Amino acid sequence: MKIAFITLGCKLNYAETSTYERALLKEGFEAVPWNKGADIFLVNTCTVTEHSDKKSRNIIRKLHRQCPEARIFVTGCYAQLKKKEIEDIEGVTAVFGADEKSRIVPEIIRSTGNPVSCETEPRTFFPAYSSGERTRSFLKVQDGCDYKCHYCTVPYARGESRNCPIAEIIPQAEAIAAEGIKEIVITGVNTGDFGKSTGETFYDLIRQLNDVDGIERYRISSIEPNLLTEEMIDWITSGTKFLPHYHIPLQSGCDTILREMGRRYDTGAFARKIEYIRAKSETPGGPKVFFGIDVIVGFPGETDELFMETYDFLKDVVKPAFIHIFPYSRRSGTPAAERKDQVQDCIKTRRVQMLEDLCRDLHAEFLKANKGVREKVLFESTDREGMMEGYTGNYIRISRPYDPDMIGKIVEITI
C-alpha cells in the first residue's frame, strides 16, 4: 500500500509525522510523495491561525480531487478543535484528536484488512522524533500547555502540559545517534515546562541528554523566558553540547500588551534575561549569540504608540538576530477574540512590514558582527547548484562547494 504524509505547522508536528511514518514502513507500507498519488494519505494539521485552518481544509480537498478512491486520515491540532468540521469534508476516512494519536497507526493498518501488531493502547503522551535527515533530528520531549495566553488555542488543541519520563527519552536520543545524526533539536509545545507529569525538570533532562554518546550538538527549539533560568544558562554556557542559539517568545515589547495577553513576564525581566545570556556566552572576538524572537503584531488594543514600544524595544534593547513575526489571528474561544478593539488588517500588514524591514537590518548587523569569527559548521546533504550548506552553532548559514565527504561532518571555518 502506498501512503503519503503531509505535515502542516510546527516541528513538533513534523516529529510526530515522522514517527507515524517509521511505524508504517515497518508494517510494509511504501511512502510516496503526496503529489504522486497514494492509496492512503495522513494529514497532520495546524490551527495556530485562521489561515492554518483554511490551508488544512484546502489540502484535504485537493488530495480527494487528486485521488478520489484514496483513504484520508487526519490528525493534529485542527483535528482536535474542529473534528466534526473535518469529518464533513468529502473523502475523509477518519479524524484523530490530541488524545488519539496512539490509535492512528493501528487504524490505518486495520483499514487495509491486515492484522494489527503494533501498539493499540492509548497514551497521554505520544513520544516522537524526526528521521530522514542526515544531520539533525527534532526530539519531542513535552506536549500541551497550561499557560492559556489570551490569544492562543494551542492549550485547547494540545491539552495540558505533560511528558514521559527522562528514562524513556534518553533511549530515543540514543536511537537518533545510532542513525549517525549529530544534532538534536529539543521540541515541545511549552518545552521548558517539561516535568509536570513526572516530577522532573527541564534542567534534569538537558543534563542527561548532554551525556548521550554520538550526539555532538543540541538546540532548544523554543523556551519561555520565565522558564529559562540563570542556573540553566550557567550550565549551558559552561562548555556543554548546547549551542549559543536561543529561540525565545517575546510576543510584545510593550508591558501594557503583555499584561493583556496574559504573559508571565514584563519587558524588564525579558531584557535582563537577554543581557545575562550575552554576558555569560560572548567573549571578545568570539561568536555572538543567536536570538530568534517571536512577536505578535496587531493584538487587540495595540495602538500605533504601543506598537512602537515593541519596535523600539527590539531595535534598541533586544537586538535579536531574527524576528519571527505573526499578525494577530482572531481565534474563536479565546478571550482576545471577544474584544471590541480589534486592529484592522491593513494596520497589521503595515506593522508586519516594519518589523520585517527591522529584522533584515538586525540580521545583517548580526552577520557583520560574526564576520571573521571561527565557528563550527555541520554540513547538510542537499546539492544546490554545486554548493552545499550548513549551520554554525549560532545558526549562521554557511555555503561552500559541494563535497559528499563533508556531509554530516562538523568542520571549523572562519565566517
Foldseek 3Di string as FASTA:
>chain_A
DEEEEAEDDDVVSQFLSQVLVVVVVVVPYHYDHLQVDGQEYEYAFDPFFPVRLVVSLVVQLVSCVRPVNHEYEYEYLSCQVPVVVVVPRRRYDYYDAQQQSQQVNVVVCVVVVDDDDDDHDTDLDDWGKHDDFQEEMEGEFKEADDQQFQQGCRNSRTPHIAGDDLVVRLVVLLVVLVSQYAEYEYDYPARQCPPPHPVDGSLVNVVVNQPRPRHQAYEHPEHELVSCDPVNLLVLLPDTRYFLEYEYEPQFQAQVVCVNRSHDDHNVSVLVSLVSNQVSHDDVLAAGRAYEYEYEPFQFPCDPVRRVSRVCCCQPGNLHLAYHYHYRHQDPPGNSNPDPRGDDPVVSVVSVVVVVVSNVVSNVVNVVVQAFHKFKWAWTDDQDPQKTWTATSNGDIDIDGDDNVRHRPIDIDGD
